[in-house]
C-alpha atoms as a PDB file:
ATOM      1  CA  MET A   1      79.870 124.223 139.136  1.00  0.00           C
ATOM      2  CA  GLN A   2      81.412 127.349 140.642  1.00  0.00           C
ATOM      3  CA  THR A   3      81.376 127.537 144.397  1.00  0.00           C
ATOM      4  CA  SER A   4      82.774 130.151 146.962  1.00  0.00           C
ATOM      5  CA  ALA A   5      83.298 130.383 150.571  1.00  0.00           C
ATOM      6  CA  ASP A   6      80.128 132.470 150.684  1.00  0.00           C
ATOM      7  CA  ASP A   7      78.234 129.592 149.152  1.00  0.00           C
ATOM      8  CA  PHE A   8      79.518 127.230 151.772  1.00  0.00           C
ATOM      9  CA  ASN A   9      78.654 129.716 154.592  1.00  0.00           C
ATOM     10  CA  ARG A  10      75.112 129.940 153.216  1.00  0.00           C
ATOM     11  CA  ALA A  11      74.853 126.194 152.988  1.00  0.00           C
ATOM     12  CA  ALA A  12      76.341 125.556 156.511  1.00  0.00           C
ATOM     13  CA  ARG A  13      74.739 128.431 158.379  1.00  0.00           C
ATOM     14  CA  GLY A  14      72.825 127.174 161.383  1.00  0.00           C
ATOM     15  CA  SER A  15      73.670 123.560 160.460  1.00  0.00           C
ATOM     16  CA  ALA A  16      76.865 122.656 162.296  1.00  0.00           C
ATOM     17  CA  PRO A  17      77.344 119.300 163.828  1.00  0.00           C
ATOM     18  CA  THR A  18      76.926 119.383 167.537  1.00  0.00           C
ATOM     19  CA  THR A  19      79.914 117.323 168.554  1.00  0.00           C
ATOM     20  CA  ARG A  20      83.681 117.777 168.110  1.00  0.00           C
ATOM     21  CA  GLY A  21      83.859 114.529 166.289  1.00  0.00           C
ATOM     22  CA  ARG A  22      83.433 110.926 167.311  1.00  0.00           C
ATOM     23  CA  VAL A  23      85.816 109.478 169.886  1.00  0.00           C
ATOM     24  CA  PRO A  24      87.711 106.738 168.034  1.00  0.00           C
ATOM     25  CA  SER A  25      87.070 103.236 169.447  1.00  0.00           C
ATOM     26  CA  GLU A  26      87.983  99.670 168.529  1.00  0.00           C
ATOM     27  CA  SER A  27      84.734  99.517 166.541  1.00  0.00           C
ATOM     28  CA  THR A  28      85.508 102.534 164.321  1.00  0.00           C
ATOM     29  CA  PRO A  29      88.534 103.345 162.048  1.00  0.00           C
ATOM     30  CA  ARG A  30      90.978 105.966 163.183  1.00  0.00           C
ATOM     31  CA  PRO A  31      90.452 109.261 161.413  1.00  0.00           C
ATOM     32  CA  LEU A  32      92.864 109.458 158.362  1.00  0.00           C
ATOM     33  CA  LEU A  33      94.270 112.012 155.887  1.00  0.00           C
ATOM     34  CA  PHE A  34      95.733 110.742 152.659  1.00  0.00           C
ATOM     35  CA  ASP A  35      97.824 113.259 150.742  1.00  0.00           C
ATOM     36  CA  HIS A  36      97.263 111.960 147.149  1.00  0.00           C
ATOM     37  CA  MET A  37     100.402 112.483 145.115  1.00  0.00           C
ATOM     38  CA  PRO A  38      99.258 112.512 141.515  1.00  0.00           C
ATOM     39  CA  ARG A  39     100.065 109.454 139.334  1.00  0.00           C
ATOM     40  CA  CYS A  40     101.091 107.398 142.333  1.00  0.00           C
ATOM     41  CA  GLY A  41      98.293 104.838 142.420  1.00  0.00           C
ATOM     42  CA  GLY A  42      96.216 107.156 144.621  1.00  0.00           C
ATOM     43  CA  THR A  43      92.992 106.991 142.782  1.00  0.00           C
ATOM     44  CA  SER A  44      92.371 103.294 143.576  1.00  0.00           C
ATOM     45  CA  PHE A  45      93.954 103.697 146.936  1.00  0.00           C
ATOM     46  CA  THR A  46      91.434 106.531 147.708  1.00  0.00           C
ATOM     47  CA  ALA A  47      88.524 104.230 146.455  1.00  0.00           C
ATOM     48  CA  TRP A  48      89.564 101.721 149.089  1.00  0.00           C
ATOM     49  CA  LEU A  49      89.869 104.257 151.729  1.00  0.00           C
ATOM     50  CA  ARG A  50      86.448 105.727 150.984  1.00  0.00           C
ATOM     51  CA  ALA A  51      84.970 102.220 151.742  1.00  0.00           C
ATOM     52  CA  GLN A  52      86.153 102.423 155.293  1.00  0.00           C
ATOM     53  CA  TYR A  53      84.327 105.830 156.235  1.00  0.00           C
ATOM     54  CA  ALA A  54      80.854 107.310 156.193  1.00  0.00           C
ATOM     55  CA  PRO A  55      80.509 109.497 153.134  1.00  0.00           C
ATOM     56  CA  ASP A  56      79.156 112.330 155.211  1.00  0.00           C
ATOM     57  CA  ARG A  57      82.199 112.524 157.256  1.00  0.00           C
ATOM     58  CA  THR A  58      84.531 112.627 154.307  1.00  0.00           C
ATOM     59  CA  LEU A  59      86.302 115.657 152.693  1.00  0.00           C
ATOM     60  CA  THR A  60      87.673 115.284 149.119  1.00  0.00           C
ATOM     61  CA  LEU A  61      90.117 117.811 147.861  1.00  0.00           C
ATOM     62  CA  GLU A  62      90.521 116.736 144.178  1.00  0.00           C
ATOM     63  CA  GLY A  63      90.082 118.520 140.933  1.00  0.00           C
ATOM     64  CA  ARG A  64      89.615 122.315 140.275  1.00  0.00           C
ATOM     65  CA  GLY A  65      88.467 124.610 142.863  1.00  0.00           C
ATOM     66  CA  ASN A  66      90.571 123.211 145.689  1.00  0.00           C
ATOM     67  CA  ALA A  67      91.744 126.576 146.796  1.00  0.00           C
ATOM     68  CA  GLU A  68      88.080 127.569 147.569  1.00  0.00           C
ATOM     69  CA  ARG A  69      87.411 124.349 149.190  1.00  0.00           C
ATOM     70  CA  VAL A  70      90.449 124.715 151.441  1.00  0.00           C
ATOM     71  CA  ALA A  71      89.399 128.240 152.423  1.00  0.00           C
ATOM     72  CA  ALA A  72      85.838 127.212 153.165  1.00  0.00           C
ATOM     73  CA  PHE A  73      87.062 124.375 155.306  1.00  0.00           C
ATOM     74  CA  ALA A  74      89.355 126.761 157.220  1.00  0.00           C
ATOM     75  CA  ALA A  75      86.392 128.989 157.824  1.00  0.00           C
ATOM     76  CA  LEU A  76      84.563 126.323 159.709  1.00  0.00           C
ATOM     77  CA  SER A  77      84.457 126.083 163.426  1.00  0.00           C
ATOM     78  CA  GLU A  78      86.783 123.552 165.147  1.00  0.00           C
ATOM     79  CA  SER A  79      83.833 121.280 165.922  1.00  0.00           C
ATOM     80  CA  ASP A  80      82.799 121.268 162.368  1.00  0.00           C
ATOM     81  CA  ARG A  81      86.229 120.480 161.066  1.00  0.00           C
ATOM     82  CA  PHE A  82      86.741 117.773 163.646  1.00  0.00           C
ATOM     83  CA  ALA A  83      83.546 115.939 162.512  1.00  0.00           C
ATOM     84  CA  ILE A  84      85.531 115.038 159.327  1.00  0.00           C
ATOM     85  CA  GLU A  85      87.016 111.599 159.690  1.00  0.00           C
ATOM     86  CA  LEU A  86      88.609 111.087 156.198  1.00  0.00           C
ATOM     87  CA  VAL A  87      90.461 113.691 154.063  1.00  0.00           C
ATOM     88  CA  VAL A  88      91.683 112.674 150.619  1.00  0.00           C
ATOM     89  CA  GLY A  89      92.988 114.451 147.636  1.00  0.00           C
ATOM     90  CA  HIS A  90      95.849 116.315 145.946  1.00  0.00           C
ATOM     91  CA  ALA A  91      95.246 119.449 148.329  1.00  0.00           C
ATOM     92  CA  SER A  92      95.261 117.490 151.547  1.00  0.00           C
ATOM     93  CA  ARG A  93      98.657 118.870 152.522  1.00  0.00           C
ATOM     94  CA  ASP A  94      96.995 122.331 152.778  1.00  0.00           C
ATOM     95  CA  VAL A  95      94.662 121.325 155.560  1.00  0.00           C
ATOM     96  CA  LEU A  96      97.163 119.503 157.795  1.00  0.00           C
ATOM     97  CA  HIS A  97      97.034 122.302 160.233  1.00  0.00           C
ATOM     98  CA  LEU A  98      93.231 122.225 160.229  1.00  0.00           C
ATOM     99  CA  VAL A  99      92.210 118.624 160.821  1.00  0.00           C
ATOM    100  CA  ARG A 100      91.744 116.741 164.165  1.00  0.00           C
ATOM    101  CA  PRO A 101      95.170 116.086 165.701  1.00  0.00           C
ATOM    102  CA  ASP A 102      94.518 112.253 166.125  1.00  0.00           C
ATOM    103  CA  MET A 103      94.276 111.761 162.350  1.00  0.00           C
ATOM    104  CA  LEU A 104      96.584 109.166 160.843  1.00  0.00           C
ATOM    105  CA  ARG A 105      98.464 111.040 158.207  1.00  0.00           C
ATOM    106  CA  ILE A 106      99.741 108.995 155.153  1.00  0.00           C
ATOM    107  CA  THR A 107     100.931 109.488 151.631  1.00  0.00           C
ATOM    108  CA  CYS A 108     102.598 107.454 148.934  1.00  0.00           C
ATOM    109  CA  PHE A 109     105.394 108.004 146.226  1.00  0.00           C
ATOM    110  CA  ARG A 110     106.612 106.262 143.116  1.00  0.00           C
ATOM    111  CA  ASP A 111     109.738 106.315 140.879  1.00  0.00           C
ATOM    112  CA  PRO A 112     109.845 109.869 139.462  1.00  0.00           C
ATOM    113  CA  VAL A 113     110.679 108.910 135.872  1.00  0.00           C
ATOM    114  CA  ALA A 114     107.743 106.482 135.953  1.00  0.00           C
ATOM    115  CA  ARG A 115     105.476 109.122 137.440  1.00  0.00           C
ATOM    116  CA  VAL A 116     106.372 111.734 134.775  1.00  0.00           C
ATOM    117  CA  GLN A 117     105.806 109.100 131.961  1.00  0.00           C
ATOM    118  CA  SER A 118     102.360 108.309 133.532  1.00  0.00           C
ATOM    119  CA  PHE A 119     101.593 111.971 133.965  1.00  0.00           C
ATOM    120  CA  TYR A 120     102.372 112.567 130.220  1.00  0.00           C
ATOM    121  CA  ARG A 121     100.110 109.802 129.052  1.00  0.00           C
ATOM    122  CA  TYR A 122      97.279 111.042 131.373  1.00  0.00           C
ATOM    123  CA  VAL A 123      97.459 114.644 130.151  1.00  0.00           C
ATOM    124  CA  ARG A 124      97.430 113.529 126.501  1.00  0.00           C
ATOM    125  CA  ALA A 125      94.432 111.142 127.098  1.00  0.00           C
ATOM    126  CA  GLU A 126      92.354 113.379 129.409  1.00  0.00           C
ATOM    127  CA  ARG A 127      90.724 116.122 127.351  1.00  0.00           C
ATOM    128  CA  ALA A 128      89.550 117.855 130.440  1.00  0.00           C
ATOM    129  CA  HIS A 129      93.006 118.213 131.975  1.00  0.00           C
ATOM    130  CA  ILE A 130      94.326 121.819 132.173  1.00  0.00           C
ATOM    131  CA  HIS A 131      97.374 121.098 130.066  1.00  0.00           C
ATOM    132  CA  HIS A 132      95.757 118.813 127.411  1.00  0.00           C
ATOM    133  CA  ASP A 133      95.052 121.242 124.726  1.00  0.00           C
ATOM    134  CA  PHE A 134      98.477 122.918 125.070  1.00  0.00           C
ATOM    135  CA  VAL A 135     100.390 119.630 125.030  1.00  0.00           C
ATOM    136  CA  MET A 136      98.404 118.304 121.938  1.00  0.00           C
ATOM    137  CA  ARG A 137      98.544 121.569 120.036  1.00  0.00           C
ATOM    138  CA  GLU A 138     102.401 121.889 120.588  1.00  0.00           C
ATOM    139  CA  GLU A 139     102.822 118.184 119.887  1.00  0.00           C
ATOM    140  CA  LEU A 140     105.142 117.902 122.928  1.00  0.00           C
ATOM    141  CA  SER A 141     107.436 115.006 123.116  1.00  0.00           C
ATOM    142  CA  LEU A 142     107.994 113.326 126.491  1.00  0.00           C
ATOM    143  CA  ALA A 143     111.188 115.035 126.812  1.00  0.00           C
ATOM    144  CA  ALA A 144     109.862 118.413 126.013  1.00  0.00           C
ATOM    145  CA  PHE A 145     106.929 117.805 128.397  1.00  0.00           C
ATOM    146  CA  ALA A 146     109.391 117.077 131.273  1.00  0.00           C
ATOM    147  CA  ARG A 147     111.462 120.287 130.545  1.00  0.00           C
ATOM    148  CA  ASP A 148     108.527 122.713 130.092  1.00  0.00           C
ATOM    149  CA  PRO A 149     108.211 125.185 132.939  1.00  0.00           C
ATOM    150  CA  ARG A 150     104.599 125.645 131.952  1.00  0.00           C
ATOM    151  CA  ILE A 151     103.853 122.130 133.234  1.00  0.00           C
ATOM    152  CA  PRO A 152     105.247 122.401 136.763  1.00  0.00           C
ATOM    153  CA  GLY A 153     103.899 118.979 137.779  1.00  0.00           C
ATOM    154  CA  ALA A 154     106.466 117.331 135.506  1.00  0.00           C
ATOM    155  CA  GLN A 155     109.366 118.837 137.517  1.00  0.00           C
ATOM    156  CA  ASN A 156     110.358 117.920 141.137  1.00  0.00           C
ATOM    157  CA  TYR A 157     106.711 117.510 142.150  1.00  0.00           C
ATOM    158  CA  PHE A 158     107.440 115.668 145.341  1.00  0.00           C
ATOM    159  CA  THR A 159     110.017 117.951 146.776  1.00  0.00           C
ATOM    160  CA  TYR A 160     108.091 121.035 145.744  1.00  0.00           C
ATOM    161  CA  GLN A 161     104.745 119.898 147.320  1.00  0.00           C
ATOM    162  CA  LEU A 162     106.441 118.921 150.670  1.00  0.00           C
ATOM    163  CA  SER A 163     109.011 121.804 150.994  1.00  0.00           C
ATOM    164  CA  ARG A 164     107.003 124.480 149.209  1.00  0.00           C
ATOM    165  CA  LEU A 165     110.414 126.039 148.353  1.00  0.00           C
ATOM    166  CA  PRO A 166     110.392 128.130 145.280  1.00  0.00           C
ATOM    167  CA  ARG A 167     111.019 126.071 142.167  1.00  0.00           C
ATOM    168  CA  GLU A 168     114.198 127.924 141.279  1.00  0.00           C
ATOM    169  CA  VAL A 169     115.437 127.263 144.712  1.00  0.00           C
ATOM    170  CA  ILE A 170     114.963 123.443 144.311  1.00  0.00           C
ATOM    171  CA  ALA A 171     116.690 123.541 140.990  1.00  0.00           C
ATOM    172  CA  ARG A 172     119.677 125.422 142.370  1.00  0.00           C
ATOM    173  CA  ASP A 173     119.933 123.458 145.615  1.00  0.00           C
ATOM    174  CA  PRO A 174     118.281 120.033 145.226  1.00  0.00           C
ATOM    175  CA  LYS A 175     120.012 118.569 148.280  1.00  0.00           C
ATOM    176  CA  GLY A 176     118.687 121.287 150.417  1.00  0.00           C
ATOM    177  CA  ALA A 177     115.184 120.780 149.030  1.00  0.00           C
ATOM    178  CA  VAL A 178     115.449 116.989 149.663  1.00  0.00           C
ATOM    179  CA  GLU A 179     116.333 117.657 153.304  1.00  0.00           C
ATOM    180  CA  ALA A 180     113.490 120.155 153.696  1.00  0.00           C
ATOM    181  CA  ALA A 181     110.980 117.666 152.182  1.00  0.00           C
ATOM    182  CA  LEU A 182     112.165 114.793 154.381  1.00  0.00           C
ATOM    183  CA  ALA A 183     111.998 117.015 157.446  1.00  0.00           C
ATOM    184  CA  PHE A 184     108.407 117.996 156.568  1.00  0.00           C
ATOM    185  CA  LEU A 185     107.411 114.353 156.312  1.00  0.00           C
ATOM    186  CA  ALA A 186     109.047 113.514 159.603  1.00  0.00           C
ATOM    187  CA  ARG A 187     107.252 116.256 161.310  1.00  0.00           C
ATOM    188  CA  GLU A 188     103.779 116.037 159.709  1.00  0.00           C
ATOM    189  CA  PHE A 189     103.230 112.347 158.538  1.00  0.00           C
ATOM    190  CA  ASP A 190     102.832 109.006 160.195  1.00  0.00           C
ATOM    191  CA  LEU A 191     103.157 106.548 157.436  1.00  0.00           C
ATOM    192  CA  VAL A 192     104.806 106.816 153.921  1.00  0.00           C
ATOM    193  CA  GLY A 193     104.553 104.143 151.220  1.00  0.00           C
ATOM    194  CA  SER A 194     105.819 103.390 147.776  1.00  0.00           C
ATOM    195  CA  LEU A 195     103.846 102.379 144.795  1.00  0.00           C
ATOM    196  CA  ALA A 196     106.284  99.373 144.348  1.00  0.00           C
ATOM    197  CA  ARG A 197     105.053  98.025 147.676  1.00  0.00           C
ATOM    198  CA  LEU A 198     101.518  99.274 147.510  1.00  0.00           C
ATOM    199  CA  ASP A 199     100.011  96.024 148.996  1.00  0.00           C
ATOM    200  CA  VAL A 200     102.422  96.229 151.879  1.00  0.00           C
ATOM    201  CA  PHE A 201     101.571  99.930 152.475  1.00  0.00           C
ATOM    202  CA  ALA A 202      97.793  99.103 152.389  1.00  0.00           C
ATOM    203  CA  THR A 203      98.171  96.237 154.860  1.00  0.00           C
ATOM    204  CA  GLU A 204     100.087  98.568 157.227  1.00  0.00           C
ATOM    205  CA  VAL A 205      97.479 101.343 156.805  1.00  0.00           C
ATOM    206  CA  ALA A 206      94.637  98.896 157.465  1.00  0.00           C
ATOM    207  CA  ALA A 207      96.227  97.713 160.746  1.00  0.00           C
ATOM    208  CA  THR A 208      97.227 101.109 161.985  1.00  0.00           C
ATOM    209  CA  ALA A 209      93.807 102.664 161.237  1.00  0.00           C
ATOM    210  CA  ARG A 210      91.895  99.653 162.555  1.00  0.00           C
ATOM    211  CA  PHE A 211      90.082  98.681 159.355  1.00  0.00           C
ATOM    212  CA  VAL A 212      88.207  95.528 160.431  1.00  0.00           C
ATOM    213  CA  GLY A 213      86.902  93.081 157.899  1.00  0.00           C
ATOM    214  CA  ASP A 214      84.975  94.436 154.907  1.00  0.00           C
ATOM    215  CA  ARG A 215      83.791  97.638 156.452  1.00  0.00           C
ATOM    216  CA  ALA A 216      81.844  98.629 153.250  1.00  0.00           C
ATOM    217  CA  GLN A 217      79.618  95.591 153.799  1.00  0.00           C
ATOM    218  CA  GLU A 218      79.319  96.185 157.531  1.00  0.00           C
ATOM    219  CA  LYS A 219      78.129  99.941 157.059  1.00  0.00           C
ATOM    220  CA  SER A 220      75.454  98.848 154.700  1.00  0.00           C
ATOM    221  CA  THR A 221      73.842  96.778 157.613  1.00  0.00           C
ATOM    222  CA  GLN A 222      74.817  98.762 160.673  1.00  0.00           C
ATOM    223  CA  GLU A 223      73.030 101.655 162.067  1.00  0.00           C
ATOM    224  CA  LYS A 224      74.754 104.950 161.428  1.00  0.00           C
ATOM    225  CA  PRO A 225      75.609 107.210 164.291  1.00  0.00           C
ATOM    226  CA  ALA A 226      72.839 109.484 165.161  1.00  0.00           C
ATOM    227  CA  GLN A 227      73.371 113.053 163.567  1.00  0.00           C
ATOM    228  CA  GLU A 228      71.293 116.134 163.811  1.00  0.00           C
ATOM    229  CA  LYS A 229      68.982 116.332 160.901  1.00  0.00           C
ATOM    230  CA  HIS A 230      67.872 119.210 158.611  1.00  0.00           C
ATOM    231  CA  PRO A 231      64.183 119.579 158.485  1.00  0.00           C
ATOM    232  CA  GLY A 232      64.310 117.985 155.026  1.00  0.00           C
ATOM    233  CA  GLY A 233      65.721 114.826 156.577  1.00  0.00           C
ATOM    234  CA  GLU A 234      69.296 115.197 155.267  1.00  0.00           C
ATOM    235  CA  SER A 235      72.258 114.937 157.750  1.00  0.00           C
ATOM    236  CA  LEU A 236      73.462 118.435 158.571  1.00  0.00           C
ATOM    237  CA  VAL A 237      77.025 117.257 158.067  1.00  0.00           C
ATOM    238  CA  THR A 238      76.079 115.935 154.624  1.00  0.00           C
ATOM    239  CA  ARG A 239      74.292 119.157 153.789  1.00  0.00           C
ATOM    240  CA  ALA A 240      77.037 121.494 154.925  1.00  0.00           C
ATOM    241  CA  MET A 241      79.886 119.524 153.457  1.00  0.00           C
ATOM    242  CA  ARG A 242      78.321 118.322 150.244  1.00  0.00           C
ATOM    243  CA  TRP A 243      79.685 120.966 147.848  1.00  0.00           C
ATOM    244  CA  LEU A 244      83.208 120.515 149.337  1.00  0.00           C
ATOM    245  CA  ARG A 245      83.473 117.119 147.905  1.00  0.00           C
ATOM    246  CA  ALA A 246      84.725 116.940 144.277  1.00  0.00           C
ATOM    247  CA  GLU A 247      81.794 117.603 141.837  1.00  0.00           C
ATOM    248  CA  THR A 248      82.558 114.527 139.844  1.00  0.00           C
ATOM    249  CA  GLY A 249      83.134 110.967 140.757  1.00  0.00           C
ATOM    250  CA  ASP A 250      82.018 111.348 144.276  1.00  0.00           C
ATOM    251  CA  PRO A 251      80.174 108.331 145.675  1.00  0.00           C
ATOM    252  CA  SER A 252      76.433 108.855 146.489  1.00  0.00           C
ATOM    253  CA  THR A 253      75.606 108.865 150.222  1.00  0.00           C
ATOM    254  CA  ASP A 254      72.868 106.378 149.203  1.00  0.00           C
ATOM    255  CA  THR A 255      75.131 103.912 147.569  1.00  0.00           C
ATOM    256  CA  PRO A 256      77.378 101.686 149.726  1.00  0.00           C
ATOM    257  CA  PRO A 257      81.019 101.990 148.403  1.00  0.00           C
ATOM    258  CA  THR A 258      82.814  98.938 147.260  1.00  0.00           C
ATOM    259  CA  GLN A 259      86.083  97.778 148.677  1.00  0.00           C
ATOM    260  CA  PRO A 260      88.760  96.523 146.046  1.00  0.00           C
ATOM    261  CA  ALA A 261      90.973  93.893 147.375  1.00  0.00           C
ATOM    262  CA  ILE A 262      94.309  95.376 148.747  1.00  0.00           C
ATOM    263  CA  ALA A 263      96.378  93.101 146.739  1.00  0.00           C
ATOM    264  CA  HIS A 264      94.608  94.253 143.383  1.00  0.00           C
ATOM    265  CA  LEU A 265      94.677  97.975 143.722  1.00  0.00           C
ATOM    266  CA  ASN A 266      94.921  99.604 140.323  1.00  0.00           C
ATOM    267  CA  ALA A 267      98.072 101.487 139.461  1.00  0.00           C
ATOM    268  CA  THR A 268      99.327 102.381 135.890  1.00  0.00           C
ATOM    269  CA  ASP A 269     102.620 100.845 135.145  1.00  0.00           C
ATOM    270  CA  GLY A 270     104.728 103.875 134.104  1.00  0.00           C
ATOM    271  CA  THR A 271     107.395 101.793 132.549  1.00  0.00           C
ATOM    272  CA  ARG A 272     105.442  99.821 130.081  1.00  0.00           C
ATOM    273  CA  GLY A 273     106.231  99.967 126.463  1.00  0.00           C
ATOM    274  CA  ALA A 274     109.672 100.592 124.805  1.00  0.00           C
ATOM    275  CA  PRO A 275     112.486 101.747 127.054  1.00  0.00           C
ATOM    276  CA  LEU A 276     113.123 105.444 126.991  1.00  0.00           C
ATOM    277  CA  ASP A 277     115.852 106.874 124.649  1.00  0.00           C
ATOM    278  CA  ALA A 278     118.756 108.490 126.147  1.00  0.00           C
ATOM    279  CA  GLU A 279     117.634 112.072 125.390  1.00  0.00           C
ATOM    280  CA  THR A 280     114.176 111.482 126.971  1.00  0.00           C
ATOM    281  CA  MET A 281     115.681 109.806 130.056  1.00  0.00           C
ATOM    282  CA  ALA A 282     118.180 112.659 130.495  1.00  0.00           C
ATOM    283  CA  ALA A 283     115.461 115.248 130.180  1.00  0.00           C
ATOM    284  CA  ILE A 284     113.260 113.683 132.752  1.00  0.00           C
ATOM    285  CA  CYS A 285     116.153 113.004 135.268  1.00  0.00           C
ATOM    286  CA  THR A 286     117.473 116.625 134.787  1.00  0.00           C
ATOM    287  CA  ALA A 287     114.070 118.095 135.481  1.00  0.00           C
ATOM    288  CA  ASN A 288     113.629 115.928 138.487  1.00  0.00           C
ATOM    289  CA  GLU A 289     117.008 115.810 140.134  1.00  0.00           C
ATOM    290  CA  ALA A 290     115.631 116.547 143.556  1.00  0.00           C
ATOM    291  CA  ASP A 291     112.772 114.068 143.258  1.00  0.00           C
ATOM    292  CA  LEU A 292     115.145 111.417 142.128  1.00  0.00           C
ATOM    293  CA  ALA A 293     117.395 111.933 145.248  1.00  0.00           C
ATOM    294  CA  PHE A 294     114.319 112.227 147.463  1.00  0.00           C
ATOM    295  CA  PHE A 295     112.799 108.982 146.306  1.00  0.00           C
ATOM    296  CA  GLU A 296     115.972 107.227 146.720  1.00  0.00           C
ATOM    297  CA  ARG A 297     116.275 108.302 150.220  1.00  0.00           C
ATOM    298  CA  ILE A 298     112.677 107.165 150.787  1.00  0.00           C
ATOM    299  CA  GLU A 299     113.439 103.723 149.395  1.00  0.00           C
ATOM    300  CA  SER A 300     116.541 103.416 151.345  1.00  0.00           C
ATOM    301  CA  LEU A 301     114.675 104.037 154.586  1.00  0.00           C
ATOM    302  CA  ALA A 302     111.924 101.418 153.995  1.00  0.00           C
ATOM    303  CA  GLY A 303     111.100  99.648 157.322  1.00  0.00           C
ATOM    304  CA  SER A 304     112.505 102.515 159.464  1.00  0.00           C
ATOM    305  CA  ARG A 305     111.626 105.872 160.742  1.00  0.00           C
ATOM    306  CA  LEU A 306     112.557 109.249 159.362  1.00  0.00           C
ATOM    307  CA  ALA A 307     115.041 110.946 161.450  1.00  0.00           C
ATOM    308  CA  GLY A 308     113.604 113.451 164.084  1.00  0.00           C
ATOM    309  CA  GLY A 309     110.043 112.501 163.675  1.00  0.00           C
ATOM    310  CA  ARG A 310     107.261 109.877 164.076  1.00  0.00           C
ATOM    311  CA  CYS A 311     107.073 109.078 160.358  1.00  0.00           C
ATOM    312  CA  ARG A 312     107.506 105.282 159.375  1.00  0.00           C
ATOM    313  CA  VAL A 313     108.518 104.284 155.762  1.00  0.00           C
ATOM    314  CA  VAL A 314     106.703 101.215 154.860  1.00  0.00           C
END
């Protein structure tokens, strides 16, 4: 379905929530933004996060059309934006300056070599992916996939997403790009995790965000906060924000989400199968020099804070 900012404005006109967002309390989770780095275990982690928050107060920035979603979200009034209590998706970084200031901001990384392997398998298997036809038609090997500039997600994805430096600058000065990425994390995020320690990260998130018990079960029996209603009976927050959520895979507001156990969050093992040959390993490492250095720094800082900021590495 194609949508635009005009579509959103028509849907939301006259239907803004009347509050600036609920005030967090011990009985409600802290508002949270999860910047989902692709192929880092984020799909299962997102499903777990969704179970903690009301669907009509969740903004999903996944899949195609994210630029329009971000633009539409930016066009909302502050009170409308602050009514959102959970933001998840690959484009969450683009709304950091738009969300309520008390949001807990988190993200998670994994070994860059394993991430590229996982990305390659995903693109080959997922026919709807933007690169699938090209990769299959060209019969790209993993080494060729990692080197191909037409697949930017295979080269220094972490450092680019965080620093937003031009890719040629990252390739020319990987050390500078790493410092820029770390500085952005220190300034803008609260918690950073690693896929290798996903259970520890999830436990820390649950404690910091005040997830109490199985909130998915609780929400099915507790009365939801009163919200202004559309004449048709639908929550105005739900009506105004419905199209902003991803068109596929979005939980129904009528179906209580399920909460996977923290210790069993699904994450594809990027190292399964035969070891990489020397040529393939060299191709991935060369194309991801900055990301490898960045991830090494993140791993070395586990249990401490990033210099010059509030961000803790779990």
